[in-house]
Amino acid sequence: MYGMLLSPGKGDRTLVSAATLAEATKVRFDGIDMVRGIRRPWAAGFLRNDQENCWGPNSESFGHGGWGGSFGYADPSRASLSGT
């Protein structure tokens, strides 16, 4: 899914427009997470990579963790290099 957010598919179609992705990854909350007790910058359903570098060294990366330590993320600065 994250690769599809960043890279065009068949016929250069994208999952969402660049404007929609920018809006979805814009910080909505930046404060102390009541569960983890640490600062978390949240976008619309995505954790931003602004502080902990969970998703690599680039601050524009975004993703979300899952049950049991699984996670998925996207790094827009590397999309053209890795295809995701």
PDB file of N, CA and C in Angstrom:
ATOM      1  N   MET A   1       0.819  -1.187   0.000  1.00  0.00           N
ATOM      2  CA  MET A   1       0.000   0.000   0.000  1.00  0.00           C
ATOM      3  C   MET A   1       0.869   1.260   0.000  1.00  0.00           C
ATOM      4  N   TYR A   2       1.913   1.273   0.815  1.00  0.00           N
ATOM      5  CA  TYR A   2       2.743   2.472   0.890  1.00  0.00           C
ATOM      6  C   TYR A   2       3.439   2.746  -0.436  1.00  0.00           C
ATOM      7  N   GLY A   3       3.890   1.700  -1.106  1.00  0.00           N
ATOM      8  CA  GLY A   3       4.491   1.882  -2.417  1.00  0.00           C
ATOM      9  C   GLY A   3       3.516   2.484  -3.409  1.00  0.00           C
ATOM     10  N   MET A   4       2.268   2.050  -3.333  1.00  0.00           N
ATOM     11  CA  MET A   4       1.241   2.570  -4.234  1.00  0.00           C
ATOM     12  C   MET A   4       0.916   4.034  -3.937  1.00  0.00           C
ATOM     13  N   LEU A   5       1.117   4.469  -2.702  1.00  0.00           N
ATOM     14  CA  LEU A   5       0.895   5.878  -2.383  1.00  0.00           C
ATOM     15  C   LEU A   5       1.926   6.777  -3.057  1.00  0.00           C
ATOM     16  N   LEU A   6       3.126   6.243  -3.266  1.00  0.00           N
ATOM     17  CA  LEU A   6       4.216   7.067  -3.782  1.00  0.00           C
ATOM     18  C   LEU A   6       4.517   6.894  -5.258  1.00  0.00           C
ATOM     19  N   SER A   7       4.253   5.715  -5.796  1.00  0.00           N
ATOM     20  CA  SER A   7       4.671   5.419  -7.161  1.00  0.00           C
ATOM     21  C   SER A   7       3.482   5.166  -8.068  1.00  0.00           C
ATOM     22  N   PRO A   8       3.531   5.698  -9.295  1.00  0.00           N
ATOM     23  CA  PRO A   8       2.460   5.423 -10.249  1.00  0.00           C
ATOM     24  C   PRO A   8       2.407   3.944 -10.608  1.00  0.00           C
ATOM     25  N   GLY A   9       1.203   3.462 -10.836  1.00  0.00           N
ATOM     26  CA  GLY A   9       1.008   2.081 -11.250  1.00  0.00           C
ATOM     27  C   GLY A   9       0.801   1.993 -12.747  1.00  0.00           C
ATOM     28  N   LYS A  10       0.031   1.011 -13.170  1.00  0.00           N
ATOM     29  CA  LYS A  10      -0.248   0.828 -14.593  1.00  0.00           C
ATOM     30  C   LYS A  10      -0.882   2.079 -15.163  1.00  0.00           C
ATOM     31  N   GLY A  11      -0.433   2.467 -16.321  1.00  0.00           N
ATOM     32  CA  GLY A  11      -0.983   3.647 -16.976  1.00  0.00           C
ATOM     33  C   GLY A  11      -0.696   4.932 -16.207  1.00  0.00           C
ATOM     34  N   ASP A  12       0.358   4.912 -15.379  1.00  0.00           N
ATOM     35  CA  ASP A  12       0.737   6.073 -14.561  1.00  0.00           C
ATOM     36  C   ASP A  12      -0.361   6.528 -13.618  1.00  0.00           C
ATOM     37  N   ARG A  13      -1.259   5.615 -13.254  1.00  0.00           N
ATOM     38  CA  ARG A  13      -2.313   5.952 -12.295  1.00  0.00           C
ATOM     39  C   ARG A  13      -1.746   5.856 -10.885  1.00  0.00           C
ATOM     40  N   THR A  14      -2.199   6.744 -10.027  1.00  0.00           N
ATOM     41  CA  THR A  14      -1.762   6.725  -8.638  1.00  0.00           C
ATOM     42  C   THR A  14      -2.943   6.388  -7.739  1.00  0.00           C
ATOM     43  N   LEU A  15      -2.635   5.908  -6.556  1.00  0.00           N
ATOM     44  CA  LEU A  15      -3.679   5.559  -5.596  1.00  0.00           C
ATOM     45  C   LEU A  15      -4.414   6.807  -5.127  1.00  0.00           C
ATOM     46  N   VAL A  16      -3.661   7.870  -4.846  1.00  0.00           N
ATOM     47  CA  VAL A  16      -4.234   9.161  -4.455  1.00  0.00           C
ATOM     48  C   VAL A  16      -3.431  10.257  -5.139  1.00  0.00           C
ATOM     49  N   SER A  17      -4.004  11.431  -5.229  1.00  0.00           N
ATOM     50  CA  SER A  17      -3.290  12.554  -5.836  1.00  0.00           C
ATOM     51  C   SER A  17      -2.194  13.051  -4.893  1.00  0.00           C
ATOM     52  N   ALA A  18      -1.247  13.784  -5.419  1.00  0.00           N
ATOM     53  CA  ALA A  18      -0.180  14.365  -4.597  1.00  0.00           C
ATOM     54  C   ALA A  18      -0.761  15.295  -3.541  1.00  0.00           C
ATOM     55  N   ALA A  19      -1.804  16.032  -3.886  1.00  0.00           N
ATOM     56  CA  ALA A  19      -2.441  16.942  -2.930  1.00  0.00           C
ATOM     57  C   ALA A  19      -3.100  16.167  -1.785  1.00  0.00           C
ATOM     58  N   THR A  20      -3.746  15.054  -2.115  1.00  0.00           N
ATOM     59  CA  THR A  20      -4.384  14.227  -1.080  1.00  0.00           C
ATOM     60  C   THR A  20      -3.340  13.613  -0.163  1.00  0.00           C
ATOM     61  N   LEU A  21      -2.240  13.134  -0.725  1.00  0.00           N
ATOM     62  CA  LEU A  21      -1.177  12.560   0.088  1.00  0.00           C
ATOM     63  C   LEU A  21      -0.557  13.619   1.000  1.00  0.00           C
ATOM     64  N   ALA A  22      -0.350  14.819   0.480  1.00  0.00           N
ATOM     65  CA  ALA A  22       0.189  15.906   1.302  1.00  0.00           C
ATOM     66  C   ALA A  22      -0.742  16.228   2.462  1.00  0.00           C
ATOM     67  N   GLU A  23      -2.027  16.240   2.198  1.00  0.00           N
ATOM     68  CA  GLU A  23      -3.009  16.516   3.251  1.00  0.00           C
ATOM     69  C   GLU A  23      -3.053  15.382   4.278  1.00  0.00           C
ATOM     70  N   ALA A  24      -2.971  14.136   3.803  1.00  0.00           N
ATOM     71  CA  ALA A  24      -3.031  12.980   4.701  1.00  0.00           C
ATOM     72  C   ALA A  24      -1.801  12.856   5.592  1.00  0.00           C
ATOM     73  N   THR A  25      -0.660  13.351   5.133  1.00  0.00           N
ATOM     74  CA  THR A  25       0.578  13.220   5.901  1.00  0.00           C
ATOM     75  C   THR A  25       0.935  14.490   6.667  1.00  0.00           C
ATOM     76  N   LYS A  26       0.081  15.489   6.619  1.00  0.00           N
ATOM     77  CA  LYS A  26       0.296  16.718   7.383  1.00  0.00           C
ATOM     78  C   LYS A  26       0.063  16.439   8.868  1.00  0.00           C
ATOM     79  N   VAL A  27       0.920  16.993   9.720  1.00  0.00           N
ATOM     80  CA  VAL A  27       0.797  16.765  11.163  1.00  0.00           C
ATOM     81  C   VAL A  27      -0.538  17.286  11.673  1.00  0.00           C
ATOM     82  N   ARG A  28      -1.265  16.419  12.384  1.00  0.00           N
ATOM     83  CA  ARG A  28      -2.557  16.774  12.988  1.00  0.00           C
ATOM     84  C   ARG A  28      -2.449  16.917  14.503  1.00  0.00           C
ATOM     85  N   PHE A  29      -1.551  16.135  15.079  1.00  0.00           N
ATOM     86  CA  PHE A  29      -1.341  16.158  16.524  1.00  0.00           C
ATOM     87  C   PHE A  29       0.147  16.001  16.779  1.00  0.00           C
ATOM     88  N   ASP A  30       0.692  16.836  17.613  1.00  0.00           N
ATOM     89  CA  ASP A  30       2.094  16.738  17.996  1.00  0.00           C
ATOM     90  C   ASP A  30       2.172  16.985  19.492  1.00  0.00           C
ATOM     91  N   GLY A  31       2.198  15.920  20.240  1.00  0.00           N
ATOM     92  CA  GLY A  31       2.211  16.036  21.692  1.00  0.00           C
ATOM     93  C   GLY A  31       2.488  14.699  22.333  1.00  0.00           C
ATOM     94  N   ILE A  32       2.230  14.620  23.607  1.00  0.00           N
ATOM     95  CA  ILE A  32       2.488  13.398  24.354  1.00  0.00           C
ATOM     96  C   ILE A  32       1.391  12.375  24.076  1.00  0.00           C
ATOM     97  N   ASP A  33       1.795  11.212  23.589  1.00  0.00           N
ATOM     98  CA  ASP A  33       0.888  10.101  23.356  1.00  0.00           C
ATOM     99  C   ASP A  33       0.496   9.531  24.715  1.00  0.00           C
ATOM    100  N   MET A  34      -0.777   9.491  25.006  1.00  0.00           N
ATOM    101  CA  MET A  34      -1.256   9.057  26.318  1.00  0.00           C
ATOM    102  C   MET A  34      -0.986   7.570  26.580  1.00  0.00           C
ATOM    103  N   VAL A  35      -0.790   6.778  25.550  1.00  0.00           N
ATOM    104  CA  VAL A  35      -0.501   5.357  25.722  1.00  0.00           C
ATOM    105  C   VAL A  35       0.992   5.131  25.959  1.00  0.00           C
ATOM    106  N   ARG A  36       1.817   5.698  25.098  1.00  0.00           N
ATOM    107  CA  ARG A  36       3.258   5.470  25.187  1.00  0.00           C
ATOM    108  C   ARG A  36       3.973   6.435  26.127  1.00  0.00           C
ATOM    109  N   GLY A  37       3.351   7.573  26.397  1.00  0.00           N
ATOM    110  CA  GLY A  37       3.947   8.540  27.297  1.00  0.00           C
ATOM    111  C   GLY A  37       5.106   9.319  26.707  1.00  0.00           C
ATOM    112  N   ILE A  38       5.200   9.333  25.372  1.00  0.00           N
ATOM    113  CA  ILE A  38       6.256  10.085  24.692  1.00  0.00           C
ATOM    114  C   ILE A  38       5.651  10.953  23.602  1.00  0.00           C
ATOM    115  N   ARG A  39       6.419  11.913  23.145  1.00  0.00           N
ATOM    116  CA  ARG A  39       5.946  12.788  22.073  1.00  0.00           C
ATOM    117  C   ARG A  39       5.763  11.977  20.793  1.00  0.00           C
ATOM    118  N   ARG A  40       4.630  12.191  20.136  1.00  0.00           N
ATOM    119  CA  ARG A  40       4.330  11.533  18.871  1.00  0.00           C
ATOM    120  C   ARG A  40       3.708  12.536  17.912  1.00  0.00           C
ATOM    121  N   PRO A  41       4.293  12.740  16.749  1.00  0.00           N
ATOM    122  CA  PRO A  41       3.680  13.586  15.726  1.00  0.00           C
ATOM    123  C   PRO A  41       2.806  12.736  14.791  1.00  0.00           C
ATOM    124  N   TRP A  42       1.498  12.865  14.906  1.00  0.00           N
ATOM    125  CA  TRP A  42       0.562  12.071  14.109  1.00  0.00           C
ATOM    126  C   TRP A  42      -0.015  12.869  12.952  1.00  0.00           C
ATOM    127  N   ALA A  43      -0.109  12.227  11.811  1.00  0.00           N
ATOM    128  CA  ALA A  43      -0.842  12.754  10.664  1.00  0.00           C
ATOM    129  C   ALA A  43      -2.218  12.073  10.681  1.00  0.00           C
ATOM    130  N   ALA A  44      -2.893  12.034   9.562  1.00  0.00           N
ATOM    131  CA  ALA A  44      -4.219  11.409   9.479  1.00  0.00           C
ATOM    132  C   ALA A  44      -4.065   9.894   9.320  1.00  0.00           C
ATOM    133  N   GLY A  45      -3.784   9.214  10.441  1.00  0.00           N
ATOM    134  CA  GLY A  45      -3.627   7.767  10.424  1.00  0.00           C
ATOM    135  C   GLY A  45      -2.195   7.297  10.245  1.00  0.00           C
ATOM    136  N   PHE A  46      -1.271   8.209  10.095  1.00  0.00           N
ATOM    137  CA  PHE A  46       0.137   7.878   9.932  1.00  0.00           C
ATOM    138  C   PHE A  46       0.951   8.527  11.040  1.00  0.00           C
ATOM    139  N   LEU A  47       1.949   7.806  11.523  1.00  0.00           N
ATOM    140  CA  LEU A  47       2.909   8.392  12.444  1.00  0.00           C
ATOM    141  C   LEU A  47       3.994   9.053  11.605  1.00  0.00           C
ATOM    142  N   ARG A  48       4.231  10.310  11.854  1.00  0.00           N
ATOM    143  CA  ARG A  48       5.288  11.039  11.142  1.00  0.00           C
ATOM    144  C   ARG A  48       6.656  10.643  11.688  1.00  0.00           C
ATOM    145  N   ASN A  49       7.665  10.782  10.887  1.00  0.00           N
ATOM    146  CA  ASN A  49       9.021  10.385  11.261  1.00  0.00           C
ATOM    147  C   ASN A  49       9.827  11.565  11.798  1.00  0.00           C
ATOM    148  N   ASP A  50       9.160  12.548  12.357  1.00  0.00           N
ATOM    149  CA  ASP A  50       9.812  13.794  12.742  1.00  0.00           C
ATOM    150  C   ASP A  50      10.741  13.694  13.939  1.00  0.00           C
ATOM    151  N   GLN A  51      10.611  12.671  14.772  1.00  0.00           N
ATOM    152  CA  GLN A  51      11.397  12.654  15.991  1.00  0.00           C
ATOM    153  C   GLN A  51      12.264  11.414  16.130  1.00  0.00           C
ATOM    154  N   GLU A  52      11.675  10.254  16.158  1.00  0.00           N
ATOM    155  CA  GLU A  52      12.407   9.039  16.505  1.00  0.00           C
ATOM    156  C   GLU A  52      13.123   8.369  15.343  1.00  0.00           C
ATOM    157  N   ASN A  53      12.850   8.797  14.137  1.00  0.00           N
ATOM    158  CA  ASN A  53      13.415   8.146  12.953  1.00  0.00           C
ATOM    159  C   ASN A  53      13.087   6.652  12.910  1.00  0.00           C
ATOM    160  N   CYS A  54      11.855   6.323  13.267  1.00  0.00           N
ATOM    161  CA  CYS A  54      11.383   4.932  13.205  1.00  0.00           C
ATOM    162  C   CYS A  54      11.442   4.397  11.784  1.00  0.00           C
ATOM    163  N   TRP A  55      11.202   5.279  10.821  1.00  0.00           N
ATOM    164  CA  TRP A  55      11.069   4.862   9.429  1.00  0.00           C
ATOM    165  C   TRP A  55      12.287   5.284   8.615  1.00  0.00           C
ATOM    166  N   GLY A  56      13.459   5.252   9.204  1.00  0.00           N
ATOM    167  CA  GLY A  56      14.680   5.626   8.497  1.00  0.00           C
ATOM    168  C   GLY A  56      15.107   7.049   8.817  1.00  0.00           C
ATOM    169  N   PRO A  57      16.125   7.545   8.123  1.00  0.00           N
ATOM    170  CA  PRO A  57      16.730   8.830   8.479  1.00  0.00           C
ATOM    171  C   PRO A  57      15.988  10.070   7.957  1.00  0.00           C
ATOM    172  N   ASN A  58      14.996   9.905   7.114  1.00  0.00           N
ATOM    173  CA  ASN A  58      14.348  11.054   6.478  1.00  0.00           C
ATOM    174  C   ASN A  58      13.085  11.481   7.210  1.00  0.00           C
ATOM    175  N   SER A  59      13.014  12.746   7.565  1.00  0.00           N
ATOM    176  CA  SER A  59      11.892  13.251   8.363  1.00  0.00           C
ATOM    177  C   SER A  59      10.565  13.224   7.615  1.00  0.00           C
ATOM    178  N   GLU A  60      10.580  13.174   6.287  1.00  0.00           N
ATOM    179  CA  GLU A  60       9.318  13.152   5.544  1.00  0.00           C
ATOM    180  C   GLU A  60       8.710  11.757   5.439  1.00  0.00           C
ATOM    181  N   SER A  61       9.385  10.739   5.971  1.00  0.00           N
ATOM    182  CA  SER A  61       8.827   9.386   5.985  1.00  0.00           C
ATOM    183  C   SER A  61       7.622   9.316   6.918  1.00  0.00           C
ATOM    184  N   PHE A  62       6.728   8.377   6.646  1.00  0.00           N
ATOM    185  CA  PHE A  62       5.535   8.203   7.464  1.00  0.00           C
ATOM    186  C   PHE A  62       5.130   6.742   7.436  1.00  0.00           C
ATOM    187  N   GLY A  63       4.441   6.291   8.469  1.00  0.00           N
ATOM    188  CA  GLY A  63       4.013   4.898   8.514  1.00  0.00           C
ATOM    189  C   GLY A  63       3.126   4.625   9.705  1.00  0.00           C
ATOM    190  N   HIS A  64       3.011   3.342  10.028  1.00  0.00           N
ATOM    191  CA  HIS A  64       2.193   2.947  11.166  1.00  0.00           C
ATOM    192  C   HIS A  64       2.649   1.576  11.639  1.00  0.00           C
ATOM    193  N   GLY A  65       2.726   1.428  12.961  1.00  0.00           N
ATOM    194  CA  GLY A  65       3.075   0.146  13.552  1.00  0.00           C
ATOM    195  C   GLY A  65       1.858  -0.742  13.686  1.00  0.00           C
ATOM    196  N   GLY A  66       2.110  -2.012  13.867  1.00  0.00           N
ATOM    197  CA  GLY A  66       1.018  -2.965  14.003  1.00  0.00           C
ATOM    198  C   GLY A  66       1.234  -3.905  15.165  1.00  0.00           C
ATOM    199  N   TRP A  67       0.398  -4.899  15.245  1.00  0.00           N
ATOM    200  CA  TRP A  67       0.425  -5.863  16.328  1.00  0.00           C
ATOM    201  C   TRP A  67       1.697  -6.709  16.251  1.00  0.00           C
ATOM    202  N   GLY A  68       2.317  -6.920  17.380  1.00  0.00           N
ATOM    203  CA  GLY A  68       3.465  -7.815  17.453  1.00  0.00           C
ATOM    204  C   GLY A  68       4.745  -7.278  16.859  1.00  0.00           C
ATOM    205  N   GLY A  69       4.823  -5.985  16.629  1.00  0.00           N
ATOM    206  CA  GLY A  69       6.052  -5.397  16.117  1.00  0.00           C
ATOM    207  C   GLY A  69       6.097  -5.209  14.612  1.00  0.00           C
ATOM    208  N   SER A  70       5.040  -5.573  13.920  1.00  0.00           N
ATOM    209  CA  SER A  70       5.020  -5.341  12.474  1.00  0.00           C
ATOM    210  C   SER A  70       4.813  -3.859  12.188  1.00  0.00           C
ATOM    211  N   PHE A  71       5.242  -3.411  11.033  1.00  0.00           N
ATOM    212  CA  PHE A  71       5.027  -2.020  10.643  1.00  0.00           C
ATOM    213  C   PHE A  71       5.158  -1.871   9.144  1.00  0.00           C
ATOM    214  N   GLY A  72       4.637  -0.779   8.655  1.00  0.00           N
ATOM    215  CA  GLY A  72       4.782  -0.413   7.260  1.00  0.00           C
ATOM    216  C   GLY A  72       5.053   1.067   7.188  1.00  0.00           C
ATOM    217  N   TYR A  73       5.816   1.481   6.181  1.00  0.00           N
ATOM    218  CA  TYR A  73       6.110   2.905   6.052  1.00  0.00           C
ATOM    219  C   TYR A  73       6.479   3.250   4.620  1.00  0.00           C
ATOM    220  N   ALA A  74       6.519   4.532   4.350  1.00  0.00           N
ATOM    221  CA  ALA A  74       6.931   5.050   3.052  1.00  0.00           C
ATOM    222  C   ALA A  74       7.933   6.165   3.266  1.00  0.00           C
ATOM    223  N   ASP A  75       8.911   6.227   2.389  1.00  0.00           N
ATOM    224  CA  ASP A  75       9.917   7.278   2.413  1.00  0.00           C
ATOM    225  C   ASP A  75       9.880   8.001   1.071  1.00  0.00           C
ATOM    226  N   PRO A  76       9.153   9.118   0.996  1.00  0.00           N
ATOM    227  CA  PRO A  76       9.016   9.824  -0.275  1.00  0.00           C
ATOM    228  C   PRO A  76      10.345  10.238  -0.901  1.00  0.00           C
ATOM    229  N   SER A  77      11.363  10.495  -0.103  1.00  0.00           N
ATOM    230  CA  SER A  77      12.646  10.942  -0.659  1.00  0.00           C
ATOM    231  C   SER A  77      13.380   9.824  -1.378  1.00  0.00           C
ATOM    232  N   ARG A  78      13.001   8.568  -1.128  1.00  0.00           N
ATOM    233  CA  ARG A  78      13.655   7.449  -1.770  1.00  0.00           C
ATOM    234  C   ARG A  78      12.747   6.711  -2.765  1.00  0.00           C
ATOM    235  N   ALA A  79      11.579   7.225  -2.992  1.00  0.00           N
ATOM    236  CA  ALA A  79      10.603   6.519  -3.850  1.00  0.00           C
ATOM    237  C   ALA A  79      11.165   6.235  -5.228  1.00  0.00           C
ATOM    238  N   SER A  80      11.865   7.188  -5.806  1.00  0.00           N
ATOM    239  CA  SER A  80      12.389   6.971  -7.151  1.00  0.00           C
ATOM    240  C   SER A  80      13.577   6.016  -7.157  1.00  0.00           C
ATOM    241  N   LEU A  81      14.230   5.824  -6.008  1.00  0.00           N
ATOM    242  CA  LEU A  81      15.363   4.923  -5.919  1.00  0.00           C
ATOM    243  C   LEU A  81      14.949   3.486  -5.675  1.00  0.00           C
ATOM    244  N   SER A  82      13.933   3.312  -4.831  1.00  0.00           N
ATOM    245  CA  SER A  82      13.572   1.954  -4.418  1.00  0.00           C
ATOM    246  C   SER A  82      12.288   1.442  -5.048  1.00  0.00           C
ATOM    247  N   GLY A  83      11.506   2.318  -5.619  1.00  0.00           N
ATOM    248  CA  GLY A  83      10.232   1.897  -6.185  1.00  0.00           C
ATOM    249  C   GLY A  83       9.122   1.820  -5.154  1.00  0.00           C
ATOM    250  N   THR A  84       9.425   2.189  -3.902  1.00  0.00           N
ATOM    251  CA  THR A  84       8.406   2.180  -2.857  1.00  0.00           C
ATOM    252  C   THR A  84       8.425   3.471  -2.102  1.00  0.00           C
TER     253      THR A  84
END
